[in-house]
Amino acid sequence: MTNGKLKIFLGYAAGTGKTYQMLTEAQELKARGVDVVIGYFEPHARVETIARTEGLEFVPRLRLEYRGTTLEDMDTDAVIARNPKVAVVDEFAHTNIPGSQRKKRWEDVVLILESGIDVLTSLNVQHIESLNDQVWHVTGIRVRETIPDWLLDEASEVVMVDVTPRALLHRMERGVVYSPEKARQAMENFFNEGNLSALRELALRQTAHQVEEKRVEEPTAVSTTTECILLWLTPHPATAMLIRRGRRVANYLGCPCIAAYAESDAERVSQYLAFCANLRIEARALPGVDPPRAFASYARARGATQIMVSRFTPKLTGLVNQIRDLQVTIVSERTRDP
């Protein structure tokens, strides 16, 4: 069975119109006779967006009990059983209700795609995993719900739904995005013009990157990529930032990103190994009593051209001395201006 195609409507904040545009496309598909259903839609009390669902078929939601309250989420099995040509799934980065079969909605979407169903979905740029540190740096907010970058790489199309920050703030003031009280709080915090401008720039760059990647991809082309990035994982918390940075650089260079760690650290880096797996970064345990020497040998064996390490890496000087013939980047943690 051929997998379905994924189309992502990308914005830089709530209220840019990505869900509205996604539903507009769903309506156009239906008008052309395409079998399209809504697998999940979050209305947020936005009248104009809700109106775009008129006449579209909704797959009934799954109801789950959590801490004495009945909550609703997408019924993935029901969407697959309905077997439409296209399923609309809002809020791609959503975390599912505890007790669901899968933790994240993107995992549900992957299952739907593997069933041969095309998916239209919505996403804000701050939910892209490798941008997590940059988003925190410019906004001061650490986004907890993220999707791995490879999902964007595998999307057949990424469409940015754009609006100027000033126009978005005007929508906020008119109560189009949130209720008046919630809008006031948002504009005093996250929704200031500086934050929105920075996020918009990130979204524009991300979209340009996706377009460029699709433009140069040719099924018959032979890859001439010679770059390979190798990360050194340690138990230090800065390793999460290192992994994001490495994945981001590899994405822009269009090259492999791999990782290695001392076998003696296996248990203490387990959370980072799961993180690497989520971002499709192969991680290898290196045995031996001399980790820098083992790492240098592994780097050459794998043809690594760029080494990225945290400044908190143990025996950092010894490691750098072992790989003087390779490019080494010592990655510092981002800090925010006071």
C-alpha atoms as a PDB file:
ATOM      1  CA  MET A   1       0.000   0.000   0.000  1.00  0.00           C
ATOM      2  CA  THR A   2       1.260   3.465  -0.903  1.00  0.00           C
ATOM      3  CA  ASN A   3       1.404   5.930   1.969  1.00  0.00           C
ATOM      4  CA  GLY A   4      -0.849   8.955   1.917  1.00  0.00           C
ATOM      5  CA  LYS A   5       0.544  12.447   1.289  1.00  0.00           C
ATOM      6  CA  LEU A   6       1.033  14.962   4.081  1.00  0.00           C
ATOM      7  CA  LYS A   7       0.348  18.662   3.576  1.00  0.00           C
ATOM      8  CA  ILE A   8       1.233  21.060   6.394  1.00  0.00           C
ATOM      9  CA  PHE A   9      -0.231  24.543   6.784  1.00  0.00           C
ATOM     10  CA  LEU A  10       2.459  26.413   8.727  1.00  0.00           C
ATOM     11  CA  GLY A  11       1.976  29.571  10.773  1.00  0.00           C
ATOM     12  CA  TYR A  12       4.000  31.444  13.356  1.00  0.00           C
ATOM     13  CA  ALA A  13       1.294  31.970  15.991  1.00  0.00           C
ATOM     14  CA  ALA A  14      -2.342  31.338  16.774  1.00  0.00           C
ATOM     15  CA  GLY A  15      -4.640  33.438  14.615  1.00  0.00           C
ATOM     16  CA  THR A  16      -2.554  33.602  11.430  1.00  0.00           C
ATOM     17  CA  GLY A  17      -5.301  31.721   9.572  1.00  0.00           C
ATOM     18  CA  LYS A  18      -3.662  28.351   8.946  1.00  0.00           C
ATOM     19  CA  THR A  19      -6.681  26.305  10.107  1.00  0.00           C
ATOM     20  CA  TYR A  20      -9.013  28.519   8.081  1.00  0.00           C
ATOM     21  CA  GLN A  21      -6.870  27.976   4.975  1.00  0.00           C
ATOM     22  CA  MET A  22      -6.692  24.246   5.637  1.00  0.00           C
ATOM     23  CA  LEU A  23     -10.476  24.014   5.851  1.00  0.00           C
ATOM     24  CA  THR A  24     -10.833  26.164   2.725  1.00  0.00           C
ATOM     25  CA  GLU A  25      -8.750  23.610   0.831  1.00  0.00           C
ATOM     26  CA  ALA A  26     -10.901  20.805   2.284  1.00  0.00           C
ATOM     27  CA  GLN A  27     -14.005  22.560   0.955  1.00  0.00           C
ATOM     28  CA  GLU A  28     -12.400  22.937  -2.477  1.00  0.00           C
ATOM     29  CA  LEU A  29     -11.510  19.238  -2.516  1.00  0.00           C
ATOM     30  CA  LYS A  30     -15.066  18.292  -1.605  1.00  0.00           C
ATOM     31  CA  ALA A  31     -16.416  20.542  -4.363  1.00  0.00           C
ATOM     32  CA  ARG A  32     -14.255  18.575  -6.824  1.00  0.00           C
ATOM     33  CA  GLY A  33     -15.768  15.308  -5.627  1.00  0.00           C
ATOM     34  CA  VAL A  34     -12.899  14.207  -3.366  1.00  0.00           C
ATOM     35  CA  ASP A  35     -13.900  12.129  -0.327  1.00  0.00           C
ATOM     36  CA  VAL A  36     -12.697  14.312   2.569  1.00  0.00           C
ATOM     37  CA  VAL A  37     -13.507  14.137   6.281  1.00  0.00           C
ATOM     38  CA  ILE A  38     -12.528  16.041   9.404  1.00  0.00           C
ATOM     39  CA  GLY A  39     -10.628  13.742  11.734  1.00  0.00           C
ATOM     40  CA  TYR A  40     -10.099  16.491  14.308  1.00  0.00           C
ATOM     41  CA  PHE A  41     -10.888  20.190  14.443  1.00  0.00           C
ATOM     42  CA  GLU A  42     -10.329  22.609  17.336  1.00  0.00           C
ATOM     43  CA  PRO A  43     -12.777  25.521  16.939  1.00  0.00           C
ATOM     44  CA  HIS A  44     -11.406  27.886  19.639  1.00  0.00           C
ATOM     45  CA  ALA A  45     -14.760  29.714  19.334  1.00  0.00           C
ATOM     46  CA  ARG A  46     -13.599  31.374  16.080  1.00  0.00           C
ATOM     47  CA  VAL A  47     -16.805  31.978  14.162  1.00  0.00           C
ATOM     48  CA  GLU A  48     -15.283  32.463  10.713  1.00  0.00           C
ATOM     49  CA  THR A  49     -13.179  29.305  11.012  1.00  0.00           C
ATOM     50  CA  ILE A  50     -16.093  27.237  12.309  1.00  0.00           C
ATOM     51  CA  ALA A  51     -18.147  28.355   9.297  1.00  0.00           C
ATOM     52  CA  ARG A  52     -15.529  26.782   7.016  1.00  0.00           C
ATOM     53  CA  THR A  53     -16.502  23.318   8.319  1.00  0.00           C
ATOM     54  CA  GLU A  54     -20.088  23.573   7.071  1.00  0.00           C
ATOM     55  CA  GLY A  55     -21.033  20.583   4.945  1.00  0.00           C
ATOM     56  CA  LEU A  56     -17.889  18.609   5.773  1.00  0.00           C
ATOM     57  CA  GLU A  57     -18.208  15.193   7.407  1.00  0.00           C
ATOM     58  CA  PHE A  58     -16.853  14.846  10.945  1.00  0.00           C
ATOM     59  CA  VAL A  59     -15.526  11.534  12.228  1.00  0.00           C
ATOM     60  CA  PRO A  60     -16.916  11.198  15.805  1.00  0.00           C
ATOM     61  CA  ARG A  61     -14.340  11.869  18.486  1.00  0.00           C
ATOM     62  CA  LEU A  62     -12.990   9.369  20.981  1.00  0.00           C
ATOM     63  CA  ARG A  63     -14.156   9.961  24.568  1.00  0.00           C
ATOM     64  CA  LEU A  64     -11.761   9.154  27.409  1.00  0.00           C
ATOM     65  CA  GLU A  65     -12.001   9.468  31.172  1.00  0.00           C
ATOM     66  CA  TYR A  66      -9.122  11.296  32.831  1.00  0.00           C
ATOM     67  CA  ARG A  67      -9.104  12.251  36.510  1.00  0.00           C
ATOM     68  CA  GLY A  68     -12.856  12.083  36.741  1.00  0.00           C
ATOM     69  CA  THR A  69     -13.461  14.178  33.634  1.00  0.00           C
ATOM     70  CA  THR A  70     -14.599  13.042  30.199  1.00  0.00           C
ATOM     71  CA  LEU A  71     -12.300  14.418  27.490  1.00  0.00           C
ATOM     72  CA  GLU A  72     -12.407  14.105  23.722  1.00  0.00           C
ATOM     73  CA  ASP A  73      -9.643  13.461  21.214  1.00  0.00           C
ATOM     74  CA  MET A  74      -9.269  12.168  17.657  1.00  0.00           C
ATOM     75  CA  ASP A  75     -10.458   8.599  17.094  1.00  0.00           C
ATOM     76  CA  THR A  76      -7.628   7.451  14.848  1.00  0.00           C
ATOM     77  CA  ASP A  77      -9.018   3.949  14.376  1.00  0.00           C
ATOM     78  CA  ALA A  78     -12.358   5.411  13.283  1.00  0.00           C
ATOM     79  CA  VAL A  79     -10.649   7.707  10.746  1.00  0.00           C
ATOM     80  CA  ILE A  80      -8.766   4.748   9.274  1.00  0.00           C
ATOM     81  CA  ALA A  81     -11.918   2.589   9.239  1.00  0.00           C
ATOM     82  CA  ARG A  82     -13.814   5.379   7.423  1.00  0.00           C
ATOM     83  CA  ASN A  83     -10.983   5.327   4.818  1.00  0.00           C
ATOM     84  CA  PRO A  84     -11.492   8.688   3.103  1.00  0.00           C
ATOM     85  CA  LYS A  85      -9.190  10.018   0.421  1.00  0.00           C
ATOM     86  CA  VAL A  86      -8.252  12.990   2.641  1.00  0.00           C
ATOM     87  CA  ALA A  87      -8.454  13.541   6.405  1.00  0.00           C
ATOM     88  CA  VAL A  88      -8.220  16.978   8.022  1.00  0.00           C
ATOM     89  CA  VAL A  89      -6.320  16.829  11.328  1.00  0.00           C
ATOM     90  CA  ASP A  90      -5.930  20.110  13.218  1.00  0.00           C
ATOM     91  CA  GLU A  91      -3.087  20.894  15.669  1.00  0.00           C
ATOM     92  CA  PHE A  92      -0.351  18.518  14.507  1.00  0.00           C
ATOM     93  CA  ALA A  93       1.806  18.962  17.653  1.00  0.00           C
ATOM     94  CA  HIS A  94      -1.003  18.206  20.109  1.00  0.00           C
ATOM     95  CA  THR A  95      -0.300  15.901  23.073  1.00  0.00           C
ATOM     96  CA  ASN A  96      -2.972  13.226  23.383  1.00  0.00           C
ATOM     97  CA  ILE A  97      -5.006  12.559  26.505  1.00  0.00           C
ATOM     98  CA  PRO A  98      -3.138  10.325  28.992  1.00  0.00           C
ATOM     99  CA  GLY A  99      -4.253   6.762  28.408  1.00  0.00           C
ATOM    100  CA  SER A 100      -4.479   7.141  24.637  1.00  0.00           C
ATOM    101  CA  GLN A 101      -2.838   4.508  22.429  1.00  0.00           C
ATOM    102  CA  ARG A 102      -0.250   7.016  21.275  1.00  0.00           C
ATOM    103  CA  LYS A 103       1.276   9.946  23.119  1.00  0.00           C
ATOM    104  CA  LYS A 104       1.307  12.504  20.295  1.00  0.00           C
ATOM    105  CA  ARG A 105      -1.112  13.399  17.535  1.00  0.00           C
ATOM    106  CA  TRP A 106       1.684  13.318  14.977  1.00  0.00           C
ATOM    107  CA  GLU A 107       2.015   9.604  15.741  1.00  0.00           C
ATOM    108  CA  ASP A 108      -1.686   9.205  14.916  1.00  0.00           C
ATOM    109  CA  VAL A 109      -1.156  11.114  11.677  1.00  0.00           C
ATOM    110  CA  VAL A 110       1.713   8.804  10.693  1.00  0.00           C
ATOM    111  CA  LEU A 111      -0.604   5.828  11.221  1.00  0.00           C
ATOM    112  CA  ILE A 112      -3.282   7.452   9.044  1.00  0.00           C
ATOM    113  CA  LEU A 113      -0.724   8.166   6.317  1.00  0.00           C
ATOM    114  CA  GLU A 114       0.511   4.573   6.457  1.00  0.00           C
ATOM    115  CA  SER A 115      -3.095   3.513   5.812  1.00  0.00           C
ATOM    116  CA  GLY A 116      -2.946   5.291   2.454  1.00  0.00           C
ATOM    117  CA  ILE A 117      -4.981   8.350   3.491  1.00  0.00           C
ATOM    118  CA  ASP A 118      -3.808  11.874   2.626  1.00  0.00           C
ATOM    119  CA  VAL A 119      -3.689  14.308   5.551  1.00  0.00           C
ATOM    120  CA  LEU A 120      -4.048  18.084   5.783  1.00  0.00           C
ATOM    121  CA  THR A 121      -2.747  19.427   9.096  1.00  0.00           C
ATOM    122  CA  SER A 122      -1.821  22.693  10.833  1.00  0.00           C
ATOM    123  CA  LEU A 123       1.334  23.631  12.725  1.00  0.00           C
ATOM    124  CA  ASN A 124       3.048  26.666  14.228  1.00  0.00           C
ATOM    125  CA  VAL A 125       6.780  27.069  13.617  1.00  0.00           C
ATOM    126  CA  GLN A 126       7.617  27.111  17.341  1.00  0.00           C
ATOM    127  CA  HIS A 127       6.570  23.450  17.555  1.00  0.00           C
ATOM    128  CA  ILE A 128       9.417  22.244  15.294  1.00  0.00           C
ATOM    129  CA  GLU A 129      11.823  20.388  17.569  1.00  0.00           C
ATOM    130  CA  SER A 130      15.137  21.677  16.227  1.00  0.00           C
ATOM    131  CA  LEU A 131      13.928  25.287  16.607  1.00  0.00           C
ATOM    132  CA  ASN A 132      13.084  24.845  20.288  1.00  0.00           C
ATOM    133  CA  ASP A 133      16.185  26.638  21.582  1.00  0.00           C
ATOM    134  CA  GLN A 134      15.869  29.489  19.085  1.00  0.00           C
ATOM    135  CA  VAL A 135      12.226  30.018  20.025  1.00  0.00           C
ATOM    136  CA  TRP A 136      13.117  30.128  23.718  1.00  0.00           C
ATOM    137  CA  HIS A 137      15.943  32.559  22.985  1.00  0.00           C
ATOM    138  CA  VAL A 138      13.736  35.079  21.193  1.00  0.00           C
ATOM    139  CA  THR A 139      10.528  34.704  23.237  1.00  0.00           C
ATOM    140  CA  GLY A 140      11.572  33.449  26.670  1.00  0.00           C
ATOM    141  CA  ILE A 141       9.032  30.639  26.375  1.00  0.00           C
ATOM    142  CA  ARG A 142      10.060  26.981  26.315  1.00  0.00           C
ATOM    143  CA  VAL A 143       7.594  25.179  24.029  1.00  0.00           C
ATOM    144  CA  ARG A 144       6.807  21.685  25.356  1.00  0.00           C
ATOM    145  CA  GLU A 145       4.789  20.280  22.457  1.00  0.00           C
ATOM    146  CA  THR A 146       7.039  19.582  19.475  1.00  0.00           C
ATOM    147  CA  ILE A 147       7.253  17.421  16.365  1.00  0.00           C
ATOM    148  CA  PRO A 148      10.432  15.872  14.936  1.00  0.00           C
ATOM    149  CA  ASP A 149      11.873  17.625  11.888  1.00  0.00           C
ATOM    150  CA  TRP A 150      11.718  14.559   9.652  1.00  0.00           C
ATOM    151  CA  LEU A 151       7.949  14.939   9.449  1.00  0.00           C
ATOM    152  CA  LEU A 152       8.400  18.215   7.578  1.00  0.00           C
ATOM    153  CA  ASP A 153      11.040  16.619   5.372  1.00  0.00           C
ATOM    154  CA  GLU A 154       8.594  13.859   4.405  1.00  0.00           C
ATOM    155  CA  ALA A 155       5.656  16.210   3.814  1.00  0.00           C
ATOM    156  CA  SER A 156       4.665  16.511   0.175  1.00  0.00           C
ATOM    157  CA  GLU A 157       3.965  20.202   0.698  1.00  0.00           C
ATOM    158  CA  VAL A 158       4.501  22.849   3.399  1.00  0.00           C
ATOM    159  CA  VAL A 159       2.451  26.009   2.895  1.00  0.00           C
ATOM    160  CA  MET A 160       3.068  29.083   5.037  1.00  0.00           C
ATOM    161  CA  VAL A 161      -0.069  31.026   5.914  1.00  0.00           C
ATOM    162  CA  ASP A 162       1.241  34.517   6.528  1.00  0.00           C
ATOM    163  CA  VAL A 163      -0.059  37.713   8.062  1.00  0.00           C
ATOM    164  CA  THR A 164       1.930  40.682   9.349  1.00  0.00           C
ATOM    165  CA  PRO A 165       2.426  40.913  13.131  1.00  0.00           C
ATOM    166  CA  ARG A 166       0.567  44.245  13.153  1.00  0.00           C
ATOM    167  CA  ALA A 167      -2.428  42.689  11.388  1.00  0.00           C
ATOM    168  CA  LEU A 168      -2.368  39.719  13.774  1.00  0.00           C
ATOM    169  CA  LEU A 169      -2.349  42.036  16.784  1.00  0.00           C
ATOM    170  CA  HIS A 170      -5.304  43.873  15.256  1.00  0.00           C
ATOM    171  CA  ARG A 171      -7.161  40.556  15.035  1.00  0.00           C
ATOM    172  CA  MET A 172      -6.342  39.979  18.694  1.00  0.00           C
ATOM    173  CA  GLU A 173      -7.699  43.388  19.644  1.00  0.00           C
ATOM    174  CA  ARG A 174     -10.942  42.703  17.742  1.00  0.00           C
ATOM    175  CA  GLY A 175     -11.448  39.421  19.625  1.00  0.00           C
ATOM    176  CA  VAL A 176     -11.122  37.293  16.488  1.00  0.00           C
ATOM    177  CA  VAL A 177      -8.420  35.028  17.969  1.00  0.00           C
ATOM    178  CA  TYR A 178      -9.236  34.900  21.692  1.00  0.00           C
ATOM    179  CA  SER A 179     -11.820  36.262  24.099  1.00  0.00           C
ATOM    180  CA  PRO A 180     -11.115  39.881  25.139  1.00  0.00           C
ATOM    181  CA  GLU A 181      -9.606  38.942  28.526  1.00  0.00           C
ATOM    182  CA  LYS A 182      -7.448  36.142  27.126  1.00  0.00           C
ATOM    183  CA  ALA A 183      -6.386  38.391  24.229  1.00  0.00           C
ATOM    184  CA  ARG A 184      -5.306  41.123  26.651  1.00  0.00           C
ATOM    185  CA  GLN A 185      -3.191  38.667  28.646  1.00  0.00           C
ATOM    186  CA  ALA A 186      -1.677  37.235  25.462  1.00  0.00           C
ATOM    187  CA  MET A 187      -0.678  40.658  24.133  1.00  0.00           C
ATOM    188  CA  GLU A 188       0.966  41.497  27.453  1.00  0.00           C
ATOM    189  CA  ASN A 189       3.085  38.348  27.241  1.00  0.00           C
ATOM    190  CA  PHE A 190       3.768  36.141  24.217  1.00  0.00           C
ATOM    191  CA  PHE A 191       1.862  38.175  21.625  1.00  0.00           C
ATOM    192  CA  ASN A 192       4.047  41.275  21.489  1.00  0.00           C
ATOM    193  CA  GLU A 193       5.253  42.612  18.160  1.00  0.00           C
ATOM    194  CA  GLY A 194       8.892  41.708  18.815  1.00  0.00           C
ATOM    195  CA  ASN A 195       8.116  38.050  19.508  1.00  0.00           C
ATOM    196  CA  LEU A 196       5.755  37.790  16.562  1.00  0.00           C
ATOM    197  CA  SER A 197       8.243  39.361  14.156  1.00  0.00           C
ATOM    198  CA  ALA A 198      10.980  36.945  15.260  1.00  0.00           C
ATOM    199  CA  LEU A 199       8.687  33.920  14.939  1.00  0.00           C
ATOM    200  CA  ARG A 200       7.491  35.080  11.550  1.00  0.00           C
ATOM    201  CA  GLU A 201      11.098  35.301  10.343  1.00  0.00           C
ATOM    202  CA  LEU A 202      11.715  31.740  11.571  1.00  0.00           C
ATOM    203  CA  ALA A 203       8.615  30.545   9.713  1.00  0.00           C
ATOM    204  CA  LEU A 204       9.643  32.306   6.502  1.00  0.00           C
ATOM    205  CA  ARG A 205      13.124  30.774   6.681  1.00  0.00           C
ATOM    206  CA  GLN A 206      11.712  27.321   7.406  1.00  0.00           C
ATOM    207  CA  THR A 207       9.345  27.523   4.451  1.00  0.00           C
ATOM    208  CA  ALA A 208      12.112  28.761   2.153  1.00  0.00           C
ATOM    209  CA  HIS A 209      14.266  25.845   3.281  1.00  0.00           C
ATOM    210  CA  GLN A 210      11.486  23.353   2.553  1.00  0.00           C
ATOM    211  CA  VAL A 211      10.889  24.863  -0.896  1.00  0.00           C
ATOM    212  CA  GLU A 212      14.598  24.730  -1.732  1.00  0.00           C
ATOM    213  CA  GLU A 213      14.827  21.099  -0.628  1.00  0.00           C
ATOM    214  CA  LYS A 214      11.877  20.111  -2.810  1.00  0.00           C
ATOM    215  CA  ARG A 215      13.290  22.059  -5.758  1.00  0.00           C
ATOM    216  CA  VAL A 216      16.616  20.229  -5.799  1.00  0.00           C
ATOM    217  CA  GLU A 217      15.208  16.756  -5.120  1.00  0.00           C
ATOM    218  CA  GLU A 218      15.251  14.537  -8.210  1.00  0.00           C
ATOM    219  CA  PRO A 219      14.436  10.818  -8.033  1.00  0.00           C
ATOM    220  CA  THR A 220      17.252   9.906 -10.413  1.00  0.00           C
ATOM    221  CA  ALA A 221      19.846  12.199  -8.925  1.00  0.00           C
ATOM    222  CA  VAL A 222      22.931  10.719  -7.279  1.00  0.00           C
ATOM    223  CA  SER A 223      23.718  12.300  -3.927  1.00  0.00           C
ATOM    224  CA  THR A 224      27.045  14.110  -3.821  1.00  0.00           C
ATOM    225  CA  THR A 225      26.789  15.003  -0.138  1.00  0.00           C
ATOM    226  CA  THR A 226      30.175  14.662   1.524  1.00  0.00           C
ATOM    227  CA  GLU A 227      29.336  16.257   4.870  1.00  0.00           C
ATOM    228  CA  CYS A 228      28.537  14.168   7.960  1.00  0.00           C
ATOM    229  CA  ILE A 229      27.857  15.618  11.408  1.00  0.00           C
ATOM    230  CA  LEU A 230      28.767  13.618  14.506  1.00  0.00           C
ATOM    231  CA  LEU A 231      27.514  14.562  17.986  1.00  0.00           C
ATOM    232  CA  TRP A 232      29.125  13.520  21.282  1.00  0.00           C
ATOM    233  CA  LEU A 233      26.421  12.759  23.855  1.00  0.00           C
ATOM    234  CA  THR A 234      27.023  13.167  27.582  1.00  0.00           C
ATOM    235  CA  PRO A 235      24.733  13.092  30.637  1.00  0.00           C
ATOM    236  CA  HIS A 236      24.821  16.905  30.907  1.00  0.00           C
ATOM    237  CA  PRO A 237      21.447  18.668  30.306  1.00  0.00           C
ATOM    238  CA  ALA A 238      23.068  20.734  27.521  1.00  0.00           C
ATOM    239  CA  THR A 239      23.008  17.562  25.407  1.00  0.00           C
ATOM    240  CA  ALA A 240      19.364  18.213  24.440  1.00  0.00           C
ATOM    241  CA  MET A 241      20.359  21.573  22.998  1.00  0.00           C
ATOM    242  CA  LEU A 242      23.324  19.955  21.225  1.00  0.00           C
ATOM    243  CA  ILE A 243      21.053  17.395  19.565  1.00  0.00           C
ATOM    244  CA  ARG A 244      18.650  20.092  18.338  1.00  0.00           C
ATOM    245  CA  ARG A 245      21.508  22.195  16.975  1.00  0.00           C
ATOM    246  CA  GLY A 246      23.088  19.236  15.208  1.00  0.00           C
ATOM    247  CA  ARG A 247      19.800  18.196  13.642  1.00  0.00           C
ATOM    248  CA  ARG A 248      19.187  21.753  12.470  1.00  0.00           C
ATOM    249  CA  VAL A 249      22.616  22.142  10.873  1.00  0.00           C
ATOM    250  CA  ALA A 250      22.326  18.746   9.195  1.00  0.00           C
ATOM    251  CA  ASN A 251      18.920  19.717   7.804  1.00  0.00           C
ATOM    252  CA  TYR A 252      20.355  22.846   6.191  1.00  0.00           C
ATOM    253  CA  LEU A 253      23.384  21.025   4.816  1.00  0.00           C
ATOM    254  CA  GLY A 254      21.286  18.100   3.647  1.00  0.00           C
ATOM    255  CA  CYS A 255      23.674  15.648   5.255  1.00  0.00           C
ATOM    256  CA  PRO A 256      23.542  12.782   7.773  1.00  0.00           C
ATOM    257  CA  CYS A 257      23.591  13.487  11.505  1.00  0.00           C
ATOM    258  CA  ILE A 258      24.828  10.710  13.789  1.00  0.00           C
ATOM    259  CA  ALA A 259      25.805  10.515  17.462  1.00  0.00           C
ATOM    260  CA  ALA A 260      28.043   8.549  19.793  1.00  0.00           C
ATOM    261  CA  TYR A 261      28.446   8.203  23.549  1.00  0.00           C
ATOM    262  CA  ALA A 262      30.602   6.337  26.056  1.00  0.00           C
ATOM    263  CA  GLU A 263      29.192   2.898  26.807  1.00  0.00           C
ATOM    264  CA  SER A 264      29.691   3.616  30.519  1.00  0.00           C
ATOM    265  CA  ASP A 265      27.212   6.525  30.176  1.00  0.00           C
ATOM    266  CA  ALA A 266      24.468   4.434  28.526  1.00  0.00           C
ATOM    267  CA  GLU A 267      22.032   4.568  31.421  1.00  0.00           C
ATOM    268  CA  ARG A 268      22.609   8.258  32.137  1.00  0.00           C
ATOM    269  CA  VAL A 269      22.066   9.306  28.518  1.00  0.00           C
ATOM    270  CA  SER A 270      18.996   7.107  27.934  1.00  0.00           C
ATOM    271  CA  GLN A 271      16.644  10.101  27.654  1.00  0.00           C
ATOM    272  CA  TYR A 272      18.894  11.621  24.977  1.00  0.00           C
ATOM    273  CA  LEU A 273      18.993   8.349  23.074  1.00  0.00           C
ATOM    274  CA  ALA A 274      15.190   8.433  22.913  1.00  0.00           C
ATOM    275  CA  PHE A 275      15.422  12.052  21.743  1.00  0.00           C
ATOM    276  CA  CYS A 276      17.881  11.058  19.005  1.00  0.00           C
ATOM    277  CA  ALA A 277      15.616   8.227  17.878  1.00  0.00           C
ATOM    278  CA  ASN A 278      12.721  10.669  17.660  1.00  0.00           C
ATOM    279  CA  LEU A 279      14.770  12.937  15.391  1.00  0.00           C
ATOM    280  CA  ARG A 280      16.117   9.983  13.380  1.00  0.00           C
ATOM    281  CA  ILE A 281      19.684  10.404  14.578  1.00  0.00           C
ATOM    282  CA  GLU A 282      21.558   7.122  14.800  1.00  0.00           C
ATOM    283  CA  ALA A 283      23.396   6.853  18.161  1.00  0.00           C
ATOM    284  CA  ARG A 284      26.199   4.345  18.853  1.00  0.00           C
ATOM    285  CA  ALA A 285      27.693   3.253  22.190  1.00  0.00           C
ATOM    286  CA  LEU A 286      31.513   3.247  22.185  1.00  0.00           C
ATOM    287  CA  PRO A 287      33.247   0.787  24.520  1.00  0.00           C
ATOM    288  CA  GLY A 288      36.643   1.290  26.146  1.00  0.00           C
ATOM    289  CA  VAL A 289      38.340   3.187  28.943  1.00  0.00           C
ATOM    290  CA  ASP A 290      39.481   6.078  26.739  1.00  0.00           C
ATOM    291  CA  PRO A 291      36.306   7.739  25.346  1.00  0.00           C
ATOM    292  CA  PRO A 292      38.110  10.531  23.421  1.00  0.00           C
ATOM    293  CA  ARG A 293      40.274   8.012  21.553  1.00  0.00           C
ATOM    294  CA  ALA A 294      37.267   5.757  20.839  1.00  0.00           C
ATOM    295  CA  PHE A 295      35.271   8.757  19.612  1.00  0.00           C
ATOM    296  CA  ALA A 296      38.076   9.925  17.312  1.00  0.00           C
ATOM    297  CA  SER A 297      38.372   6.455  15.829  1.00  0.00           C
ATOM    298  CA  TYR A 298      34.617   6.237  15.306  1.00  0.00           C
ATOM    299  CA  ALA A 299      34.521   9.692  13.689  1.00  0.00           C
ATOM    300  CA  ARG A 300      37.048   8.659  11.076  1.00  0.00           C
ATOM    301  CA  ALA A 301      35.415   5.286  10.496  1.00  0.00           C
ATOM    302  CA  ARG A 302      32.078   6.963   9.768  1.00  0.00           C
ATOM    303  CA  GLY A 303      33.577   9.687   7.585  1.00  0.00           C
ATOM    304  CA  ALA A 304      32.471  12.503   9.883  1.00  0.00           C
ATOM    305  CA  THR A 305      33.461  15.959   8.654  1.00  0.00           C
ATOM    306  CA  GLN A 306      32.012  18.070  11.465  1.00  0.00           C
ATOM    307  CA  ILE A 307      32.118  17.229  15.150  1.00  0.00           C
ATOM    308  CA  MET A 308      29.699  19.001  17.485  1.00  0.00           C
ATOM    309  CA  VAL A 309      30.179  18.808  21.247  1.00  0.00           C
ATOM    310  CA  SER A 310      28.870  20.645  24.284  1.00  0.00           C
ATOM    311  CA  ARG A 311      31.297  22.852  26.183  1.00  0.00           C
ATOM    312  CA  PHE A 312      30.420  20.704  29.206  1.00  0.00           C
ATOM    313  CA  THR A 313      31.898  17.574  27.600  1.00  0.00           C
ATOM    314  CA  PRO A 314      34.261  15.747  29.997  1.00  0.00           C
ATOM    315  CA  LYS A 315      37.874  15.577  28.815  1.00  0.00           C
ATOM    316  CA  LEU A 316      37.035  18.147  26.140  1.00  0.00           C
ATOM    317  CA  THR A 317      40.652  19.163  25.562  1.00  0.00           C
ATOM    318  CA  GLY A 318      41.694  15.549  25.170  1.00  0.00           C
ATOM    319  CA  LEU A 319      38.886  14.994  22.693  1.00  0.00           C
ATOM    320  CA  VAL A 320      39.813  18.024  20.593  1.00  0.00           C
ATOM    321  CA  ASN A 321      43.465  16.936  20.553  1.00  0.00           C
ATOM    322  CA  GLN A 322      42.425  13.529  19.173  1.00  0.00           C
ATOM    323  CA  ILE A 323      40.531  15.035  16.225  1.00  0.00           C
ATOM    324  CA  ARG A 324      42.643  17.999  15.149  1.00  0.00           C
ATOM    325  CA  ASP A 325      42.197  16.992  11.509  1.00  0.00           C
ATOM    326  CA  LEU A 326      38.382  17.416  11.729  1.00  0.00           C
ATOM    327  CA  GLN A 327      36.223  20.495  12.144  1.00  0.00           C
ATOM    328  CA  VAL A 328      35.109  20.743  15.777  1.00  0.00           C
ATOM    329  CA  THR A 329      32.280  23.008  16.924  1.00  0.00           C
ATOM    330  CA  ILE A 330      31.922  23.562  20.661  1.00  0.00           C
ATOM    331  CA  VAL A 331      28.281  24.472  21.127  1.00  0.00           C
ATOM    332  CA  SER A 332      27.376  26.863  23.922  1.00  0.00           C
ATOM    333  CA  GLU A 333      23.955  27.118  25.501  1.00  0.00           C
ATOM    334  CA  ARG A 334      21.800  29.994  24.356  1.00  0.00           C
ATOM    335  CA  THR A 335      21.188  32.733  26.883  1.00  0.00           C
ATOM    336  CA  ARG A 336      18.552  35.424  26.854  1.00  0.00           C
ATOM    337  CA  ASP A 337      19.166  39.121  27.245  1.00  0.00           C
ATOM    338  CA  PRO A 338      17.846  40.402  30.581  1.00  0.00           C
END
